[in-house]
Amino acid sequence: MKGLLKMKLNENFLIHSSDNGEILIPVGEETKRFHGVVKLNEAGSEIVHLIENNDMSLEDILNHFYKECPNDDREVIKQGVSEFIKKLYEINAIID
């Protein structure tokens, strides 16, 4: 996963909102590869919406969170965002 590589949400994953928060649901062919849903916390929802609405790089997403959370430790932000993006890649929820 390179910092400048643009990512987007796989069209075979949908974001579902409810009173209990948001989940990422596979549809179509993805249901054969990934059995389940991804419950999104606030940061996860923000990341998914960023890549849903824009072609974003890891660097773009990190810069967004650095601006949103200027007092938070950048290494902690980078680690959390990178781990979440890696998991999304593993289930094919995001593509280059």
PDB file of N, CA and C in Angstrom:
ATOM      1  N   MET A   1       0.850  -1.171   0.000  1.00  0.00           N
ATOM      2  CA  MET A   1       0.000   0.000   0.000  1.00  0.00           C
ATOM      3  C   MET A   1       0.896   1.234   0.000  1.00  0.00           C
ATOM      4  N   LYS A   2       0.871   1.959  -1.084  1.00  0.00           N
ATOM      5  CA  LYS A   2       1.721   3.135  -1.193  1.00  0.00           C
ATOM      6  C   LYS A   2       0.934   4.385  -0.812  1.00  0.00           C
ATOM      7  N   GLY A   3       1.637   5.346  -0.257  1.00  0.00           N
ATOM      8  CA  GLY A   3       0.992   6.547   0.235  1.00  0.00           C
ATOM      9  C   GLY A   3       0.307   7.393  -0.819  1.00  0.00           C
ATOM     10  N   LEU A   4       0.772   7.345  -2.071  1.00  0.00           N
ATOM     11  CA  LEU A   4       0.203   8.195  -3.109  1.00  0.00           C
ATOM     12  C   LEU A   4      -0.760   7.460  -4.026  1.00  0.00           C
ATOM     13  N   LEU A   5      -0.906   6.149  -3.848  1.00  0.00           N
ATOM     14  CA  LEU A   5      -1.805   5.353  -4.655  1.00  0.00           C
ATOM     15  C   LEU A   5      -3.247   5.723  -4.318  1.00  0.00           C
ATOM     16  N   LYS A   6      -4.030   6.067  -5.338  1.00  0.00           N
ATOM     17  CA  LYS A   6      -5.425   6.462  -5.112  1.00  0.00           C
ATOM     18  C   LYS A   6      -6.296   5.229  -4.902  1.00  0.00           C
ATOM     19  N   MET A   7      -7.178   5.310  -3.920  1.00  0.00           N
ATOM     20  CA  MET A   7      -8.072   4.210  -3.579  1.00  0.00           C
ATOM     21  C   MET A   7      -9.506   4.665  -3.760  1.00  0.00           C
ATOM     22  N   LYS A   8     -10.375   3.687  -3.984  1.00  0.00           N
ATOM     23  CA  LYS A   8     -11.802   3.981  -3.997  1.00  0.00           C
ATOM     24  C   LYS A   8     -12.558   2.790  -3.431  1.00  0.00           C
ATOM     25  N   LEU A   9     -13.759   3.050  -2.991  1.00  0.00           N
ATOM     26  CA  LEU A   9     -14.585   1.993  -2.420  1.00  0.00           C
ATOM     27  C   LEU A   9     -15.047   1.069  -3.543  1.00  0.00           C
ATOM     28  N   ASN A  10     -14.902  -0.219  -3.340  1.00  0.00           N
ATOM     29  CA  ASN A  10     -15.376  -1.219  -4.283  1.00  0.00           C
ATOM     30  C   ASN A  10     -16.890  -1.074  -4.394  1.00  0.00           C
ATOM     31  N   GLU A  11     -17.385  -0.994  -5.617  1.00  0.00           N
ATOM     32  CA  GLU A  11     -18.825  -0.810  -5.824  1.00  0.00           C
ATOM     33  C   GLU A  11     -19.646  -1.984  -5.318  1.00  0.00           C
ATOM     34  N   ASN A  12     -19.001  -3.097  -5.001  1.00  0.00           N
ATOM     35  CA  ASN A  12     -19.693  -4.260  -4.456  1.00  0.00           C
ATOM     36  C   ASN A  12     -19.725  -4.270  -2.929  1.00  0.00           C
ATOM     37  N   PHE A  13     -19.481  -3.119  -2.332  1.00  0.00           N
ATOM     38  CA  PHE A  13     -19.665  -2.933  -0.897  1.00  0.00           C
ATOM     39  C   PHE A  13     -20.539  -1.708  -0.697  1.00  0.00           C
ATOM     40  N   LEU A  14     -21.523  -1.841   0.150  1.00  0.00           N
ATOM     41  CA  LEU A  14     -22.440  -0.743   0.449  1.00  0.00           C
ATOM     42  C   LEU A  14     -22.300  -0.318   1.899  1.00  0.00           C
ATOM     43  N   ILE A  15     -22.534   0.952   2.138  1.00  0.00           N
ATOM     44  CA  ILE A  15     -22.546   1.484   3.499  1.00  0.00           C
ATOM     45  C   ILE A  15     -24.006   1.557   3.930  1.00  0.00           C
ATOM     46  N   HIS A  16     -24.302   0.913   5.035  1.00  0.00           N
ATOM     47  CA  HIS A  16     -25.659   0.937   5.572  1.00  0.00           C
ATOM     48  C   HIS A  16     -25.650   1.691   6.893  1.00  0.00           C
ATOM     49  N   SER A  17     -26.527   2.673   7.001  1.00  0.00           N
ATOM     50  CA  SER A  17     -26.652   3.473   8.223  1.00  0.00           C
ATOM     51  C   SER A  17     -27.905   3.064   8.979  1.00  0.00           C
ATOM     52  N   SER A  18     -27.775   3.002  10.291  1.00  0.00           N
ATOM     53  CA  SER A  18     -28.922   2.734  11.152  1.00  0.00           C
ATOM     54  C   SER A  18     -28.735   3.515  12.442  1.00  0.00           C
ATOM     55  N   ASP A  19     -29.670   3.365  13.344  1.00  0.00           N
ATOM     56  CA  ASP A  19     -29.566   4.034  14.647  1.00  0.00           C
ATOM     57  C   ASP A  19     -28.352   3.546  15.434  1.00  0.00           C
ATOM     58  N   ASN A  20     -27.863   2.358  15.104  1.00  0.00           N
ATOM     59  CA  ASN A  20     -26.720   1.767  15.805  1.00  0.00           C
ATOM     60  C   ASN A  20     -25.387   2.091  15.156  1.00  0.00           C
ATOM     61  N   GLY A  21     -25.372   2.936  14.142  1.00  0.00           N
ATOM     62  CA  GLY A  21     -24.131   3.289  13.460  1.00  0.00           C
ATOM     63  C   GLY A  21     -24.135   2.795  12.027  1.00  0.00           C
ATOM     64  N   GLU A  22     -22.943   2.648  11.478  1.00  0.00           N
ATOM     65  CA  GLU A  22     -22.818   2.239  10.083  1.00  0.00           C
ATOM     66  C   GLU A  22     -22.078   0.917   9.967  1.00  0.00           C
ATOM     67  N   ILE A  23     -22.462   0.169   8.931  1.00  0.00           N
ATOM     68  CA  ILE A  23     -21.784  -1.075   8.611  1.00  0.00           C
ATOM     69  C   ILE A  23     -21.478  -1.093   7.119  1.00  0.00           C
ATOM     70  N   LEU A  24     -20.467  -1.844   6.764  1.00  0.00           N
ATOM     71  CA  LEU A  24     -20.072  -2.044   5.381  1.00  0.00           C
ATOM     72  C   LEU A  24     -20.519  -3.455   5.002  1.00  0.00           C
ATOM     73  N   ILE A  25     -21.317  -3.553   3.929  1.00  0.00           N
ATOM     74  CA  ILE A  25     -21.932  -4.819   3.550  1.00  0.00           C
ATOM     75  C   ILE A  25     -21.484  -5.212   2.147  1.00  0.00           C
ATOM     76  N   PRO A  26     -21.019  -6.456   1.974  1.00  0.00           N
ATOM     77  CA  PRO A  26     -20.700  -6.910   0.619  1.00  0.00           C
ATOM     78  C   PRO A  26     -21.984  -7.245  -0.138  1.00  0.00           C
ATOM     79  N   VAL A  27     -21.985  -7.006  -1.437  1.00  0.00           N
ATOM     80  CA  VAL A  27     -23.115  -7.365  -2.299  1.00  0.00           C
ATOM     81  C   VAL A  27     -22.566  -8.027  -3.557  1.00  0.00           C
ATOM     82  N   GLY A  28     -23.444  -8.659  -4.295  1.00  0.00           N
ATOM     83  CA  GLY A  28     -23.053  -9.267  -5.560  1.00  0.00           C
ATOM     84  C   GLY A  28     -21.972 -10.319  -5.382  1.00  0.00           C
ATOM     85  N   GLU A  29     -20.980 -10.288  -6.270  1.00  0.00           N
ATOM     86  CA  GLU A  29     -19.893 -11.270  -6.270  1.00  0.00           C
ATOM     87  C   GLU A  29     -19.088 -11.280  -4.973  1.00  0.00           C
ATOM     88  N   GLU A  30     -19.023 -10.139  -4.296  1.00  0.00           N
ATOM     89  CA  GLU A  30     -18.226 -10.069  -3.055  1.00  0.00           C
ATOM     90  C   GLU A  30     -18.786 -10.946  -1.955  1.00  0.00           C
ATOM     91  N   THR A  31     -20.075 -11.288  -2.019  1.00  0.00           N
ATOM     92  CA  THR A  31     -20.652 -12.150  -0.984  1.00  0.00           C
ATOM     93  C   THR A  31     -20.083 -13.565  -1.051  1.00  0.00           C
ATOM     94  N   LYS A  32     -19.490 -13.924  -2.205  1.00  0.00           N
ATOM     95  CA  LYS A  32     -18.862 -15.242  -2.333  1.00  0.00           C
ATOM     96  C   LYS A  32     -17.488 -15.270  -1.673  1.00  0.00           C
ATOM     97  N   ARG A  33     -16.865 -14.091  -1.544  1.00  0.00           N
ATOM     98  CA  ARG A  33     -15.515 -14.002  -0.975  1.00  0.00           C
ATOM     99  C   ARG A  33     -15.515 -13.569   0.485  1.00  0.00           C
ATOM    100  N   PHE A  34     -16.437 -12.689   0.825  1.00  0.00           N
ATOM    101  CA  PHE A  34     -16.465 -12.156   2.191  1.00  0.00           C
ATOM    102  C   PHE A  34     -17.835 -12.401   2.780  1.00  0.00           C
ATOM    103  N   HIS A  35     -17.879 -13.171   3.853  1.00  0.00           N
ATOM    104  CA  HIS A  35     -19.142 -13.541   4.503  1.00  0.00           C
ATOM    105  C   HIS A  35     -19.240 -12.786   5.816  1.00  0.00           C
ATOM    106  N   GLY A  36     -19.998 -11.726   5.816  1.00  0.00           N
ATOM    107  CA  GLY A  36     -20.161 -10.951   7.037  1.00  0.00           C
ATOM    108  C   GLY A  36     -20.316  -9.476   6.712  1.00  0.00           C
ATOM    109  N   VAL A  37     -20.210  -8.667   7.744  1.00  0.00           N
ATOM    110  CA  VAL A  37     -20.281  -7.218   7.612  1.00  0.00           C
ATOM    111  C   VAL A  37     -19.147  -6.613   8.437  1.00  0.00           C
ATOM    112  N   VAL A  38     -18.847  -5.371   8.163  1.00  0.00           N
ATOM    113  CA  VAL A  38     -17.825  -4.655   8.927  1.00  0.00           C
ATOM    114  C   VAL A  38     -18.536  -3.543   9.688  1.00  0.00           C
ATOM    115  N   LYS A  39     -18.532  -3.613  11.011  1.00  0.00           N
ATOM    116  CA  LYS A  39     -19.110  -2.553  11.835  1.00  0.00           C
ATOM    117  C   LYS A  39     -18.087  -1.416  11.893  1.00  0.00           C
ATOM    118  N   LEU A  40     -18.527  -0.233  11.528  1.00  0.00           N
ATOM    119  CA  LEU A  40     -17.633   0.914  11.444  1.00  0.00           C
ATOM    120  C   LEU A  40     -17.756   1.813  12.667  1.00  0.00           C
ATOM    121  N   ASN A  41     -16.618   2.148  13.254  1.00  0.00           N
ATOM    122  CA  ASN A  41     -16.630   3.166  14.303  1.00  0.00           C
ATOM    123  C   ASN A  41     -16.608   4.533  13.609  1.00  0.00           C
ATOM    124  N   GLU A  42     -16.548   5.597  14.367  1.00  0.00           N
ATOM    125  CA  GLU A  42     -16.620   6.941  13.788  1.00  0.00           C
ATOM    126  C   GLU A  42     -15.495   7.197  12.778  1.00  0.00           C
ATOM    127  N   ALA A  43     -14.271   6.842  13.141  1.00  0.00           N
ATOM    128  CA  ALA A  43     -13.134   7.051  12.233  1.00  0.00           C
ATOM    129  C   ALA A  43     -13.258   6.154  11.008  1.00  0.00           C
ATOM    130  N   GLY A  44     -13.666   4.907  11.205  1.00  0.00           N
ATOM    131  CA  GLY A  44     -13.845   3.993  10.079  1.00  0.00           C
ATOM    132  C   GLY A  44     -14.892   4.495   9.105  1.00  0.00           C
ATOM    133  N   SER A  45     -15.998   5.017   9.635  1.00  0.00           N
ATOM    134  CA  SER A  45     -17.042   5.591   8.783  1.00  0.00           C
ATOM    135  C   SER A  45     -16.493   6.765   7.979  1.00  0.00           C
ATOM    136  N   GLU A  46     -15.721   7.602   8.646  1.00  0.00           N
ATOM    137  CA  GLU A  46     -15.157   8.770   7.963  1.00  0.00           C
ATOM    138  C   GLU A  46     -14.221   8.346   6.832  1.00  0.00           C
ATOM    139  N   ILE A  47     -13.387   7.354   7.089  1.00  0.00           N
ATOM    140  CA  ILE A  47     -12.473   6.854   6.060  1.00  0.00           C
ATOM    141  C   ILE A  47     -13.253   6.285   4.883  1.00  0.00           C
ATOM    142  N   VAL A  48     -14.241   5.455   5.165  1.00  0.00           N
ATOM    143  CA  VAL A  48     -15.023   4.837   4.092  1.00  0.00           C
ATOM    144  C   VAL A  48     -15.745   5.900   3.266  1.00  0.00           C
ATOM    145  N   HIS A  49     -16.295   6.917   3.915  1.00  0.00           N
ATOM    146  CA  HIS A  49     -16.971   7.982   3.169  1.00  0.00           C
ATOM    147  C   HIS A  49     -15.981   8.811   2.349  1.00  0.00           C
ATOM    148  N   LEU A  50     -14.783   9.014   2.876  1.00  0.00           N
ATOM    149  CA  LEU A  50     -13.771   9.744   2.111  1.00  0.00           C
ATOM    150  C   LEU A  50     -13.433   9.013   0.819  1.00  0.00           C
ATOM    151  N   ILE A  51     -13.240   7.692   0.893  1.00  0.00           N
ATOM    152  CA  ILE A  51     -12.880   6.954  -0.314  1.00  0.00           C
ATOM    153  C   ILE A  51     -14.097   6.618  -1.172  1.00  0.00           C
ATOM    154  N   GLU A  52     -15.296   6.709  -0.592  1.00  0.00           N
ATOM    155  CA  GLU A  52     -16.512   6.504  -1.373  1.00  0.00           C
ATOM    156  C   GLU A  52     -16.738   7.699  -2.295  1.00  0.00           C
ATOM    157  N   ASN A  53     -16.510   8.882  -1.780  1.00  0.00           N
ATOM    158  CA  ASN A  53     -16.831  10.099  -2.509  1.00  0.00           C
ATOM    159  C   ASN A  53     -15.682  10.697  -3.302  1.00  0.00           C
ATOM    160  N   ASN A  54     -14.468  10.214  -3.075  1.00  0.00           N
ATOM    161  CA  ASN A  54     -13.283  10.751  -3.747  1.00  0.00           C
ATOM    162  C   ASN A  54     -12.289   9.626  -3.959  1.00  0.00           C
ATOM    163  N   ASP A  55     -11.465   9.767  -4.974  1.00  0.00           N
ATOM    164  CA  ASP A  55     -10.313   8.873  -5.089  1.00  0.00           C
ATOM    165  C   ASP A  55      -9.256   9.456  -4.165  1.00  0.00           C
ATOM    166  N   MET A  56      -8.976   8.754  -3.080  1.00  0.00           N
ATOM    167  CA  MET A  56      -8.074   9.265  -2.042  1.00  0.00           C
ATOM    168  C   MET A  56      -6.863   8.362  -1.904  1.00  0.00           C
ATOM    169  N   SER A  57      -5.726   8.967  -1.610  1.00  0.00           N
ATOM    170  CA  SER A  57      -4.528   8.197  -1.272  1.00  0.00           C
ATOM    171  C   SER A  57      -4.445   8.084   0.244  1.00  0.00           C
ATOM    172  N   LEU A  58      -3.594   7.190   0.711  1.00  0.00           N
ATOM    173  CA  LEU A  58      -3.359   7.091   2.152  1.00  0.00           C
ATOM    174  C   LEU A  58      -2.884   8.433   2.685  1.00  0.00           C
ATOM    175  N   GLU A  59      -2.011   9.079   1.943  1.00  0.00           N
ATOM    176  CA  GLU A  59      -1.504  10.390   2.353  1.00  0.00           C
ATOM    177  C   GLU A  59      -2.636  11.416   2.470  1.00  0.00           C
ATOM    178  N   ASP A  60      -3.586  11.401   1.521  1.00  0.00           N
ATOM    179  CA  ASP A  60      -4.747  12.299   1.575  1.00  0.00           C
ATOM    180  C   ASP A  60      -5.568  12.061   2.840  1.00  0.00           C
ATOM    181  N   ILE A  61      -5.798  10.787   3.145  1.00  0.00           N
ATOM    182  CA  ILE A  61      -6.602  10.435   4.319  1.00  0.00           C
ATOM    183  C   ILE A  61      -5.880  10.847   5.596  1.00  0.00           C
ATOM    184  N   LEU A  62      -4.581  10.573   5.662  1.00  0.00           N
ATOM    185  CA  LEU A  62      -3.813  10.977   6.838  1.00  0.00           C
ATOM    186  C   LEU A  62      -3.846  12.487   7.019  1.00  0.00           C
ATOM    187  N   ASN A  63      -3.645  13.237   5.950  1.00  0.00           N
ATOM    188  CA  ASN A  63      -3.682  14.701   6.043  1.00  0.00           C
ATOM    189  C   ASN A  63      -5.042  15.196   6.523  1.00  0.00           C
ATOM    190  N   HIS A  64      -6.106  14.522   6.089  1.00  0.00           N
ATOM    191  CA  HIS A  64      -7.449  14.874   6.559  1.00  0.00           C
ATOM    192  C   HIS A  64      -7.543  14.727   8.081  1.00  0.00           C
ATOM    193  N   PHE A  65      -7.068  13.580   8.599  1.00  0.00           N
ATOM    194  CA  PHE A  65      -7.141  13.346  10.043  1.00  0.00           C
ATOM    195  C   PHE A  65      -6.166  14.226  10.819  1.00  0.00           C
ATOM    196  N   TYR A  66      -5.014  14.524  10.251  1.00  0.00           N
ATOM    197  CA  TYR A  66      -4.070  15.428  10.925  1.00  0.00           C
ATOM    198  C   TYR A  66      -4.705  16.804  11.102  1.00  0.00           C
ATOM    199  N   LYS A  67      -5.464  17.251  10.096  1.00  0.00           N
ATOM    200  CA  LYS A  67      -6.150  18.556  10.192  1.00  0.00           C
ATOM    201  C   LYS A  67      -7.321  18.500  11.169  1.00  0.00           C
ATOM    202  N   GLU A  68      -8.061  17.363  11.141  1.00  0.00           N
ATOM    203  CA  GLU A  68      -9.222  17.207  12.015  1.00  0.00           C
ATOM    204  C   GLU A  68      -8.824  17.024  13.488  1.00  0.00           C
ATOM    205  N   CYS A  69      -7.665  16.434  13.715  1.00  0.00           N
ATOM    206  CA  CYS A  69      -7.215  16.093  15.070  1.00  0.00           C
ATOM    207  C   CYS A  69      -5.801  16.630  15.299  1.00  0.00           C
ATOM    208  N   PRO A  70      -5.616  17.955  15.266  1.00  0.00           N
ATOM    209  CA  PRO A  70      -4.266  18.519  15.330  1.00  0.00           C
ATOM    210  C   PRO A  70      -3.524  18.232  16.638  1.00  0.00           C
ATOM    211  N   ASN A  71      -4.237  17.928  17.704  1.00  0.00           N
ATOM    212  CA  ASN A  71      -3.595  17.684  18.994  1.00  0.00           C
ATOM    213  C   ASN A  71      -3.278  16.214  19.251  1.00  0.00           C
ATOM    214  N   ASP A  72      -3.719  15.337  18.338  1.00  0.00           N
ATOM    215  CA  ASP A  72      -3.467  13.906  18.513  1.00  0.00           C
ATOM    216  C   ASP A  72      -2.101  13.531  17.949  1.00  0.00           C
ATOM    217  N   ASP A  73      -1.539  12.470  18.475  1.00  0.00           N
ATOM    218  CA  ASP A  73      -0.228  11.972  18.047  1.00  0.00           C
ATOM    219  C   ASP A  73      -0.330  11.465  16.596  1.00  0.00           C
ATOM    220  N   ARG A  74       0.468  12.031  15.713  1.00  0.00           N
ATOM    221  CA  ARG A  74       0.430  11.664  14.298  1.00  0.00           C
ATOM    222  C   ARG A  74       0.782  10.199  14.061  1.00  0.00           C
ATOM    223  N   GLU A  75       1.689   9.655  14.855  1.00  0.00           N
ATOM    224  CA  GLU A  75       2.056   8.244  14.682  1.00  0.00           C
ATOM    225  C   GLU A  75       0.888   7.333  15.035  1.00  0.00           C
ATOM    226  N   VAL A  76       0.136   7.696  16.060  1.00  0.00           N
ATOM    227  CA  VAL A  76      -1.034   6.912  16.456  1.00  0.00           C
ATOM    228  C   VAL A  76      -2.087   6.972  15.350  1.00  0.00           C
ATOM    229  N   ILE A  77      -2.307   8.162  14.802  1.00  0.00           N
ATOM    230  CA  ILE A  77      -3.256   8.319  13.690  1.00  0.00           C
ATOM    231  C   ILE A  77      -2.799   7.470  12.509  1.00  0.00           C
ATOM    232  N   LYS A  78      -1.539   7.589  12.143  1.00  0.00           N
ATOM    233  CA  LYS A  78      -1.014   6.861  10.989  1.00  0.00           C
ATOM    234  C   LYS A  78      -1.163   5.348  11.168  1.00  0.00           C
ATOM    235  N   GLN A  79      -0.840   4.864  12.349  1.00  0.00           N
ATOM    236  CA  GLN A  79      -0.943   3.432  12.612  1.00  0.00           C
ATOM    237  C   GLN A  79      -2.393   2.956  12.503  1.00  0.00           C
ATOM    238  N   GLY A  80      -3.311   3.685  13.128  1.00  0.00           N
ATOM    239  CA  GLY A  80      -4.722   3.288  13.109  1.00  0.00           C
ATOM    240  C   GLY A  80      -5.317   3.324  11.713  1.00  0.00           C
ATOM    241  N   VAL A  81      -5.048   4.392  10.984  1.00  0.00           N
ATOM    242  CA  VAL A  81      -5.575   4.522   9.621  1.00  0.00           C
ATOM    243  C   VAL A  81      -4.967   3.444   8.728  1.00  0.00           C
ATOM    244  N   SER A  82      -3.669   3.254   8.820  1.00  0.00           N
ATOM    245  CA  SER A  82      -2.992   2.259   7.974  1.00  0.00           C
ATOM    246  C   SER A  82      -3.511   0.850   8.233  1.00  0.00           C
ATOM    247  N   GLU A  83      -3.722   0.494   9.484  1.00  0.00           N
ATOM    248  CA  GLU A  83      -4.246  -0.834   9.823  1.00  0.00           C
ATOM    249  C   GLU A  83      -5.655  -1.026   9.278  1.00  0.00           C
ATOM    250  N   PHE A  84      -6.483   0.001   9.398  1.00  0.00           N
ATOM    251  CA  PHE A  84      -7.860  -0.105   8.904  1.00  0.00           C
ATOM    252  C   PHE A  84      -7.873  -0.231   7.380  1.00  0.00           C
ATOM    253  N   ILE A  85      -7.076   0.579   6.693  1.00  0.00           N
ATOM    254  CA  ILE A  85      -6.994   0.514   5.228  1.00  0.00           C
ATOM    255  C   ILE A  85      -6.509  -0.874   4.797  1.00  0.00           C
ATOM    256  N   LYS A  86      -5.534  -1.416   5.497  1.00  0.00           N
ATOM    257  CA  LYS A  86      -5.013  -2.751   5.177  1.00  0.00           C
ATOM    258  C   LYS A  86      -6.124  -3.788   5.281  1.00  0.00           C
ATOM    259  N   LYS A  87      -6.938  -3.690   6.325  1.00  0.00           N
ATOM    260  CA  LYS A  87      -8.046  -4.639   6.493  1.00  0.00           C
ATOM    261  C   LYS A  87      -9.074  -4.496   5.379  1.00  0.00           C
ATOM    262  N   LEU A  88      -9.333  -3.261   4.961  1.00  0.00           N
ATOM    263  CA  LEU A  88     -10.269  -3.050   3.856  1.00  0.00           C
ATOM    264  C   LEU A  88      -9.733  -3.653   2.563  1.00  0.00           C
ATOM    265  N   TYR A  89      -8.420  -3.523   2.328  1.00  0.00           N
ATOM    266  CA  TYR A  89      -7.800  -4.166   1.170  1.00  0.00           C
ATOM    267  C   TYR A  89      -7.942  -5.691   1.247  1.00  0.00           C
ATOM    268  N   GLU A  90      -7.726  -6.241   2.430  1.00  0.00           N
ATOM    269  CA  GLU A  90      -7.775  -7.696   2.606  1.00  0.00           C
ATOM    270  C   GLU A  90      -9.132  -8.284   2.253  1.00  0.00           C
ATOM    271  N   ILE A  91     -10.206  -7.533   2.502  1.00  0.00           N
ATOM    272  CA  ILE A  91     -11.533  -8.031   2.173  1.00  0.00           C
ATOM    273  C   ILE A  91     -12.025  -7.508   0.820  1.00  0.00           C
ATOM    274  N   ASN A  92     -11.151  -6.801   0.112  1.00  0.00           N
ATOM    275  CA  ASN A  92     -11.442  -6.264  -1.218  1.00  0.00           C
ATOM    276  C   ASN A  92     -12.492  -5.149  -1.187  1.00  0.00           C
ATOM    277  N   ALA A  93     -12.646  -4.473  -0.049  1.00  0.00           N
ATOM    278  CA  ALA A  93     -13.621  -3.389   0.053  1.00  0.00           C
ATOM    279  C   ALA A  93     -13.111  -2.109  -0.615  1.00  0.00           C
ATOM    280  N   ILE A  94     -11.793  -1.972  -0.726  1.00  0.00           N
ATOM    281  CA  ILE A  94     -11.248  -0.848  -1.473  1.00  0.00           C
ATOM    282  C   ILE A  94     -10.336  -1.374  -2.566  1.00  0.00           C
ATOM    283  N   ILE A  95     -10.303  -0.619  -3.645  1.00  0.00           N
ATOM    284  CA  ILE A  95      -9.507  -0.990  -4.804  1.00  0.00           C
ATOM    285  C   ILE A  95      -8.703   0.218  -5.263  1.00  0.00           C
ATOM    286  N   ASP A  96      -7.649  -0.042  -6.025  1.00  0.00           N
ATOM    287  CA  ASP A  96      -6.824   1.027  -6.564  1.00  0.00           C
ATOM    288  C   ASP A  96      -7.405   1.536  -7.867  1.00  0.00           C
TER     289      ASP A  96
END
